[in-house]
C-alpha atoms as a PDB file:
ATOM      1  CA  UNK A   1     -11.089  11.133  10.926  1.00  0.00           C
ATOM      2  CA  UNK A   2      -7.973   9.812   9.299  1.00  0.00           C
ATOM      3  CA  UNK A   3      -7.925  10.177   5.487  1.00  0.00           C
ATOM      4  CA  UNK A   4      -7.803   6.872   3.723  1.00  0.00           C
ATOM      5  CA  UNK A   5      -4.612   6.364   1.736  1.00  0.00           C
ATOM      6  CA  UNK A   6      -4.888   6.253  -2.115  1.00  0.00           C
ATOM      7  CA  UNK A   7      -2.734   5.120  -4.990  1.00  0.00           C
ATOM      8  CA  UNK A   8      -2.556   5.248  -8.744  1.00  0.00           C
ATOM      9  CA  UNK A   9      -3.624   2.374 -10.865  1.00  0.00           C
ATOM     10  CA  UNK A  10      -4.012   1.686 -14.536  1.00  0.00           C
ATOM     11  CA  UNK A  11      -7.253   0.387 -16.009  1.00  0.00           C
ATOM     12  CA  UNK A  12      -9.225   0.457 -19.427  1.00  0.00           C
ATOM     13  CA  UNK A  13     -12.802   0.785 -20.278  1.00  0.00           C
ATOM     14  CA  UNK A  14     -12.631  -0.241 -23.963  1.00  0.00           C
ATOM     15  CA  UNK A  15     -10.339  -2.562 -26.035  1.00  0.00           C
ATOM     16  CA  UNK A  16      -7.585  -1.058 -28.145  1.00  0.00           C
ATOM     17  CA  UNK A  17      -4.030   0.081 -28.183  1.00  0.00           C
ATOM     18  CA  UNK A  18      -2.112   1.713 -25.337  1.00  0.00           C
ATOM     19  CA  UNK A  19      -4.142   4.808 -25.740  1.00  0.00           C
ATOM     20  CA  UNK A  20      -7.111   3.154 -23.959  1.00  0.00           C
ATOM     21  CA  UNK A  21      -5.190   2.904 -20.738  1.00  0.00           C
ATOM     22  CA  UNK A  22      -6.267   5.279 -17.981  1.00  0.00           C
ATOM     23  CA  UNK A  23      -4.451   6.303 -14.756  1.00  0.00           C
ATOM     24  CA  UNK A  24      -6.931   6.487 -11.862  1.00  0.00           C
ATOM     25  CA  UNK A  25      -6.732   7.466  -8.155  1.00  0.00           C
ATOM     26  CA  UNK A  26      -8.224   4.681  -6.040  1.00  0.00           C
ATOM     27  CA  UNK A  27      -8.135   3.663  -2.281  1.00  0.00           C
ATOM     28  CA  UNK A  28      -5.192   1.516  -1.233  1.00  0.00           C
ATOM     29  CA  UNK A  29      -6.200  -2.192  -1.330  1.00  0.00           C
ATOM     30  CA  UNK A  30      -6.265  -4.245   1.816  1.00  0.00           C
ATOM     31  CA  UNK A  31      -4.827  -7.819   1.705  1.00  0.00           C
ATOM     32  CA  UNK A  32      -7.301 -10.530   2.399  1.00  0.00           C
ATOM     33  CA  UNK A  33      -6.746 -13.959   3.913  1.00  0.00           C
ATOM     34  CA  UNK A  34      -3.598 -15.525   2.693  1.00  0.00           C
ATOM     35  CA  UNK A  35      -2.543 -12.328   0.791  1.00  0.00           C
ATOM     36  CA  UNK A  36       0.137  -9.806   0.857  1.00  0.00           C
ATOM     37  CA  UNK A  37       0.266  -6.190  -0.225  1.00  0.00           C
ATOM     38  CA  UNK A  38       3.380  -5.063  -2.139  1.00  0.00           C
ATOM     39  CA  UNK A  39       4.732  -1.675  -2.741  1.00  0.00           C
ATOM     40  CA  UNK A  40       5.472  -1.901  -6.440  1.00  0.00           C
ATOM     41  CA  UNK A  41       8.951  -1.433  -7.732  1.00  0.00           C
ATOM     42  CA  UNK A  42       8.608  -2.812 -11.188  1.00  0.00           C
ATOM     43  CA  UNK A  43       6.107  -4.710 -13.322  1.00  0.00           C
ATOM     44  CA  UNK A  44       6.782  -7.283 -16.045  1.00  0.00           C
ATOM     45  CA  UNK A  45       4.414  -7.068 -19.028  1.00  0.00           C
ATOM     46  CA  UNK A  46       3.916  -9.770 -21.520  1.00  0.00           C
ATOM     47  CA  UNK A  47       2.676  -9.921 -25.062  1.00  0.00           C
ATOM     48  CA  UNK A  48      -0.418 -12.008 -23.894  1.00  0.00           C
ATOM     49  CA  UNK A  49      -1.380  -8.933 -21.695  1.00  0.00           C
ATOM     50  CA  UNK A  50      -1.345  -6.605 -24.806  1.00  0.00           C
ATOM     51  CA  UNK A  51      -3.669  -9.003 -26.711  1.00  0.00           C
ATOM     52  CA  UNK A  52      -6.123  -9.127 -23.920  1.00  0.00           C
ATOM     53  CA  UNK A  53      -6.198  -5.311 -23.596  1.00  0.00           C
ATOM     54  CA  UNK A  54      -6.584  -4.985 -27.441  1.00  0.00           C
ATOM     55  CA  UNK A  55      -9.418  -7.574 -27.491  1.00  0.00           C
ATOM     56  CA  UNK A  56      -7.553  -9.959 -29.920  1.00  0.00           C
ATOM     57  CA  UNK A  57      -6.533 -12.724 -27.416  1.00  0.00           C
ATOM     58  CA  UNK A  58      -7.540 -16.281 -28.282  1.00  0.00           C
ATOM     59  CA  UNK A  59      -7.689 -16.872 -24.576  1.00  0.00           C
ATOM     60  CA  UNK A  60     -10.525 -14.339 -24.117  1.00  0.00           C
ATOM     61  CA  UNK A  61     -10.600 -10.704 -23.279  1.00  0.00           C
ATOM     62  CA  UNK A  62     -12.434 -10.704 -20.019  1.00  0.00           C
ATOM     63  CA  UNK A  63     -15.066  -8.082 -18.951  1.00  0.00           C
ATOM     64  CA  UNK A  64     -14.917  -4.386 -19.061  1.00  0.00           C
ATOM     65  CA  UNK A  65     -13.683  -2.317 -17.319  1.00  0.00           C
ATOM     66  CA  UNK A  66     -10.414  -4.217 -17.289  1.00  0.00           C
ATOM     67  CA  UNK A  67      -6.985  -3.859 -15.856  1.00  0.00           C
ATOM     68  CA  UNK A  68      -3.615  -5.402 -16.966  1.00  0.00           C
ATOM     69  CA  UNK A  69      -2.232  -8.303 -14.913  1.00  0.00           C
ATOM     70  CA  UNK A  70       1.570  -8.873 -14.740  1.00  0.00           C
ATOM     71  CA  UNK A  71       4.662 -10.042 -12.757  1.00  0.00           C
ATOM     72  CA  UNK A  72       5.167  -7.557 -10.048  1.00  0.00           C
ATOM     73  CA  UNK A  73       8.248  -7.069  -7.868  1.00  0.00           C
ATOM     74  CA  UNK A  74       7.911  -5.090  -4.683  1.00  0.00           C
ATOM     75  CA  UNK A  75       8.422  -4.925  -0.956  1.00  0.00           C
ATOM     76  CA  UNK A  76       5.755  -6.258   1.374  1.00  0.00           C
ATOM     77  CA  UNK A  77       4.046  -3.466   3.318  1.00  0.00           C
ATOM     78  CA  UNK A  78       0.833  -5.266   4.419  1.00  0.00           C
ATOM     79  CA  UNK A  79      -0.037  -8.821   5.420  1.00  0.00           C
ATOM     80  CA  UNK A  80      -3.564 -10.412   5.472  1.00  0.00           C
ATOM     81  CA  UNK A  81      -4.777 -13.073   7.995  1.00  0.00           C
ATOM     82  CA  UNK A  82      -3.144 -16.457   7.672  1.00  0.00           C
ATOM     83  CA  UNK A  83      -0.052 -15.096   5.827  1.00  0.00           C
ATOM     84  CA  UNK A  84       3.401 -15.379   7.305  1.00  0.00           C
ATOM     85  CA  UNK A  85       4.123 -12.102   9.063  1.00  0.00           C
ATOM     86  CA  UNK A  86       7.838 -12.703   8.641  1.00  0.00           C
ATOM     87  CA  UNK A  87       7.350 -11.623   5.055  1.00  0.00           C
ATOM     88  CA  UNK A  88       6.861  -7.958   6.099  1.00  0.00           C
ATOM     89  CA  UNK A  89       9.527  -5.842   4.497  1.00  0.00           C
ATOM     90  CA  UNK A  90      10.852  -8.549   2.205  1.00  0.00           C
ATOM     91  CA  UNK A  91      11.141  -8.095  -1.540  1.00  0.00           C
ATOM     92  CA  UNK A  92       8.977 -10.621  -3.431  1.00  0.00           C
ATOM     93  CA  UNK A  93       8.004 -11.354  -7.013  1.00  0.00           C
ATOM     94  CA  UNK A  94       4.315 -12.294  -7.483  1.00  0.00           C
ATOM     95  CA  UNK A  95       1.769 -12.958 -10.353  1.00  0.00           C
ATOM     96  CA  UNK A  96      -0.950 -10.297 -10.007  1.00  0.00           C
ATOM     97  CA  UNK A  97      -4.125 -11.088 -11.857  1.00  0.00           C
ATOM     98  CA  UNK A  98      -5.860  -7.676 -11.633  1.00  0.00           C
ATOM     99  CA  UNK A  99      -4.700  -4.128 -11.194  1.00  0.00           C
ATOM    100  CA  UNK A 100      -1.019  -4.996 -11.545  1.00  0.00           C
ATOM    101  CA  UNK A 101      -0.096  -1.613 -12.889  1.00  0.00           C
ATOM    102  CA  UNK A 102      -0.355   0.193  -9.684  1.00  0.00           C
ATOM    103  CA  UNK A 103       1.594   1.736  -6.809  1.00  0.00           C
ATOM    104  CA  UNK A 104       0.553  -1.023  -4.533  1.00  0.00           C
ATOM    105  CA  UNK A 105      -0.843  -4.493  -5.399  1.00  0.00           C
ATOM    106  CA  UNK A 106      -2.361  -7.435  -3.582  1.00  0.00           C
ATOM    107  CA  UNK A 107      -1.165 -10.908  -4.279  1.00  0.00           C
ATOM    108  CA  UNK A 108      -1.791 -14.381  -3.073  1.00  0.00           C
ATOM    109  CA  UNK A 109       0.948 -15.689  -0.836  1.00  0.00           C
ATOM    110  CA  UNK A 110       1.076 -18.919  -2.800  1.00  0.00           C
ATOM    111  CA  UNK A 111       1.940 -16.868  -6.050  1.00  0.00           C
ATOM    112  CA  UNK A 112       4.833 -14.949  -4.381  1.00  0.00           C
ATOM    113  CA  UNK A 113       8.518 -15.902  -4.671  1.00  0.00           C
ATOM    114  CA  UNK A 114      11.390 -14.315  -2.603  1.00  0.00           C
ATOM    115  CA  UNK A 115      13.877 -12.235  -4.557  1.00  0.00           C
ATOM    116  CA  UNK A 116      17.477 -12.915  -3.776  1.00  0.00           C
ATOM    117  CA  UNK A 117      19.550  -9.815  -2.808  1.00  0.00           C
ATOM    118  CA  UNK A 118      21.903 -10.487  -5.641  1.00  0.00           C
ATOM    119  CA  UNK A 119      19.228 -10.246  -8.254  1.00  0.00           C
ATOM    120  CA  UNK A 120      17.984  -6.724  -9.475  1.00  0.00           C
ATOM    121  CA  UNK A 121      14.235  -5.993  -9.392  1.00  0.00           C
ATOM    122  CA  UNK A 122      13.953  -5.852 -13.205  1.00  0.00           C
ATOM    123  CA  UNK A 123      15.625  -9.280 -13.673  1.00  0.00           C
ATOM    124  CA  UNK A 124      13.634 -10.852 -10.811  1.00  0.00           C
ATOM    125  CA  UNK A 125      10.200 -10.356 -12.671  1.00  0.00           C
ATOM    126  CA  UNK A 126      10.699 -13.808 -14.170  1.00  0.00           C
ATOM    127  CA  UNK A 127      10.500 -15.415 -10.726  1.00  0.00           C
ATOM    128  CA  UNK A 128       6.779 -14.924 -10.677  1.00  0.00           C
ATOM    129  CA  UNK A 129       5.766 -16.863 -13.860  1.00  0.00           C
ATOM    130  CA  UNK A 130       8.648 -17.785 -16.277  1.00  0.00           C
ATOM    131  CA  UNK A 131      10.834 -19.591 -13.700  1.00  0.00           C
ATOM    132  CA  UNK A 132       8.008 -21.756 -12.305  1.00  0.00           C
ATOM    133  CA  UNK A 133       7.024 -22.642 -15.945  1.00  0.00           C
ATOM    134  CA  UNK A 134      10.565 -23.668 -16.802  1.00  0.00           C
ATOM    135  CA  UNK A 135      10.844 -25.773 -13.614  1.00  0.00           C
ATOM    136  CA  UNK A 136       7.507 -27.401 -14.379  1.00  0.00           C
ATOM    137  CA  UNK A 137       8.458 -28.247 -17.929  1.00  0.00           C
ATOM    138  CA  UNK A 138      11.604 -30.035 -16.877  1.00  0.00           C
ATOM    139  CA  UNK A 139       9.804 -31.715 -13.881  1.00  0.00           C
ATOM    140  CA  UNK A 140       7.072 -33.113 -16.076  1.00  0.00           C
ATOM    141  CA  UNK A 141       9.624 -34.564 -18.457  1.00  0.00           C
ATOM    142  CA  UNK A 142      11.372 -36.339 -15.533  1.00  0.00           C
ATOM    143  CA  UNK A 143      14.825 -34.815 -16.014  1.00  0.00           C
ATOM    144  CA  UNK A 144      17.629 -37.012 -14.890  1.00  0.00           C
ATOM    145  CA  UNK A 145      21.429 -36.557 -14.636  1.00  0.00           C
ATOM    146  CA  UNK A 146      23.006 -37.214 -17.998  1.00  0.00           C
ATOM    147  CA  UNK A 147      19.818 -36.624 -20.128  1.00  0.00           C
ATOM    148  CA  UNK A 148      19.978 -34.500 -23.272  1.00  0.00           C
ATOM    149  CA  UNK A 149      17.377 -31.842 -23.603  1.00  0.00           C
ATOM    150  CA  UNK A 150      16.446 -29.944 -26.796  1.00  0.00           C
ATOM    151  CA  UNK A 151      14.880 -26.437 -26.162  1.00  0.00           C
ATOM    152  CA  UNK A 152      13.428 -25.238 -29.431  1.00  0.00           C
ATOM    153  CA  UNK A 153      13.329 -21.520 -29.181  1.00  0.00           C
ATOM    154  CA  UNK A 154      15.186 -20.581 -26.164  1.00  0.00           C
ATOM    155  CA  UNK A 155      15.326 -16.847 -26.741  1.00  0.00           C
ATOM    156  CA  UNK A 156      12.247 -16.152 -24.717  1.00  0.00           C
ATOM    157  CA  UNK A 157      12.280 -15.782 -20.932  1.00  0.00           C
ATOM    158  CA  UNK A 158      11.015 -19.251 -20.146  1.00  0.00           C
ATOM    159  CA  UNK A 159      13.202 -21.095 -22.758  1.00  0.00           C
ATOM    160  CA  UNK A 160      16.229 -19.053 -21.662  1.00  0.00           C
ATOM    161  CA  UNK A 161      15.725 -20.134 -18.096  1.00  0.00           C
ATOM    162  CA  UNK A 162      14.962 -23.714 -19.017  1.00  0.00           C
ATOM    163  CA  UNK A 163      18.433 -23.996 -20.601  1.00  0.00           C
ATOM    164  CA  UNK A 164      20.134 -22.800 -17.509  1.00  0.00           C
ATOM    165  CA  UNK A 165      18.032 -24.835 -15.115  1.00  0.00           C
ATOM    166  CA  UNK A 166      18.618 -27.939 -17.190  1.00  0.00           C
ATOM    167  CA  UNK A 167      22.405 -27.460 -17.457  1.00  0.00           C
ATOM    168  CA  UNK A 168      23.399 -28.760 -14.000  1.00  0.00           C
ATOM    169  CA  UNK A 169      21.706 -32.112 -14.594  1.00  0.00           C
ATOM    170  CA  UNK A 170      21.596 -32.541 -18.325  1.00  0.00           C
ATOM    171  CA  UNK A 171      23.249 -31.524 -21.543  1.00  0.00           C
ATOM    172  CA  UNK A 172      21.006 -28.747 -22.786  1.00  0.00           C
ATOM    173  CA  UNK A 173      20.908 -27.880 -26.500  1.00  0.00           C
ATOM    174  CA  UNK A 174      19.050 -25.031 -28.070  1.00  0.00           C
ATOM    175  CA  UNK A 175      18.031 -24.324 -31.595  1.00  0.00           C
ATOM    176  CA  UNK A 176      18.130 -20.552 -31.012  1.00  0.00           C
ATOM    177  CA  UNK A 177      21.476 -18.761 -31.469  1.00  0.00           C
ATOM    178  CA  UNK A 178      20.571 -16.012 -28.905  1.00  0.00           C
ATOM    179  CA  UNK A 179      20.294 -18.606 -26.237  1.00  0.00           C
ATOM    180  CA  UNK A 180      24.019 -18.401 -25.389  1.00  0.00           C
ATOM    181  CA  UNK A 181      24.498 -17.419 -21.807  1.00  0.00           C
ATOM    182  CA  UNK A 182      27.450 -17.414 -19.411  1.00  0.00           C
ATOM    183  CA  UNK A 183      25.499 -19.801 -17.062  1.00  0.00           C
ATOM    184  CA  UNK A 184      24.601 -22.503 -19.610  1.00  0.00           C
ATOM    185  CA  UNK A 185      26.532 -24.236 -22.215  1.00  0.00           C
ATOM    186  CA  UNK A 186      24.475 -25.088 -25.251  1.00  0.00           C
ATOM    187  CA  UNK A 187      24.908 -25.844 -28.829  1.00  0.00           C
ATOM    188  CA  UNK A 188      22.963 -23.335 -31.030  1.00  0.00           C
ATOM    189  CA  UNK A 189      21.602 -23.706 -34.495  1.00  0.00           C
ATOM    190  CA  UNK A 190      18.830 -21.979 -36.535  1.00  0.00           C
ATOM    191  CA  UNK A 191      16.870 -25.084 -37.317  1.00  0.00           C
ATOM    192  CA  UNK A 192      17.158 -28.495 -35.538  1.00  0.00           C
ATOM    193  CA  UNK A 193      17.586 -30.594 -38.639  1.00  0.00           C
ATOM    194  CA  UNK A 194      17.849 -34.440 -38.262  1.00  0.00           C
ATOM    195  CA  UNK A 195      21.559 -34.287 -39.164  1.00  0.00           C
ATOM    196  CA  UNK A 196      22.188 -31.499 -36.534  1.00  0.00           C
ATOM    197  CA  UNK A 197      20.285 -33.738 -33.799  1.00  0.00           C
ATOM    198  CA  UNK A 198      22.279 -36.809 -34.886  1.00  0.00           C
ATOM    199  CA  UNK A 199      25.606 -35.069 -34.551  1.00  0.00           C
ATOM    200  CA  UNK A 200      24.862 -33.954 -31.091  1.00  0.00           C
ATOM    201  CA  UNK A 201      23.274 -37.133 -29.676  1.00  0.00           C
ATOM    202  CA  UNK A 202      23.885 -40.060 -32.051  1.00  0.00           C
ATOM    203  CA  UNK A 203      21.287 -42.781 -32.254  1.00  0.00           C
ATOM    204  CA  UNK A 204      20.135 -42.194 -28.668  1.00  0.00           C
ATOM    205  CA  UNK A 205      18.316 -38.956 -29.436  1.00  0.00           C
ATOM    206  CA  UNK A 206      16.997 -36.576 -26.834  1.00  0.00           C
ATOM    207  CA  UNK A 207      15.344 -37.568 -23.522  1.00  0.00           C
ATOM    208  CA  UNK A 208      13.280 -34.338 -23.570  1.00  0.00           C
ATOM    209  CA  UNK A 209      12.232 -31.981 -26.380  1.00  0.00           C
ATOM    210  CA  UNK A 210      10.544 -28.770 -25.393  1.00  0.00           C
ATOM    211  CA  UNK A 211       8.954 -26.990 -28.436  1.00  0.00           C
ATOM    212  CA  UNK A 212       8.719 -23.266 -28.740  1.00  0.00           C
ATOM    213  CA  UNK A 213       5.053 -23.479 -27.691  1.00  0.00           C
ATOM    214  CA  UNK A 214       6.052 -24.493 -24.183  1.00  0.00           C
ATOM    215  CA  UNK A 215       8.903 -21.938 -23.794  1.00  0.00           C
END
């Protein structure tokens, strides 16, 4: 009988700091309907994940035992029923809700994004969550050519991408000095005071204002 393949996965059985994480050997997961299995190359971890693990998250801590979730970049090596078989062998970025810290992960096809060959695996982790959030923020606001957008706190991954995505259609301004990028022209300032806003836009103001909470 052929031995079933196994892999390493990180889980925890109590809330706390990094010391509660345990590496276990488990059978390789099989993708279900509409799912893909990725051979993990890199996993993006967020601050929210650490609060869930520590038991301090206002969003809830979930049940124990628990496992971190995260933005996983990897190569498709398994395809479930109903998923496009053309995805086999492609590098994708996907949001994984459980057992994200593993040699192999299973992700829903709807939560996977192709990774361009020009983008490194570590940079492409933003394609799973931060990039869609940035696009959605601008889309909800009805961004139009010529609009002026204020991104308050663009040093984070979502805000940083929001400035770059807004730039082709709008004049993007950021209140965060570290938001300067080679792909986006923005005016930076520590605090968007009324005088600073008036200098940049005049009486018209901003068509969109994205607070730090949304970026």
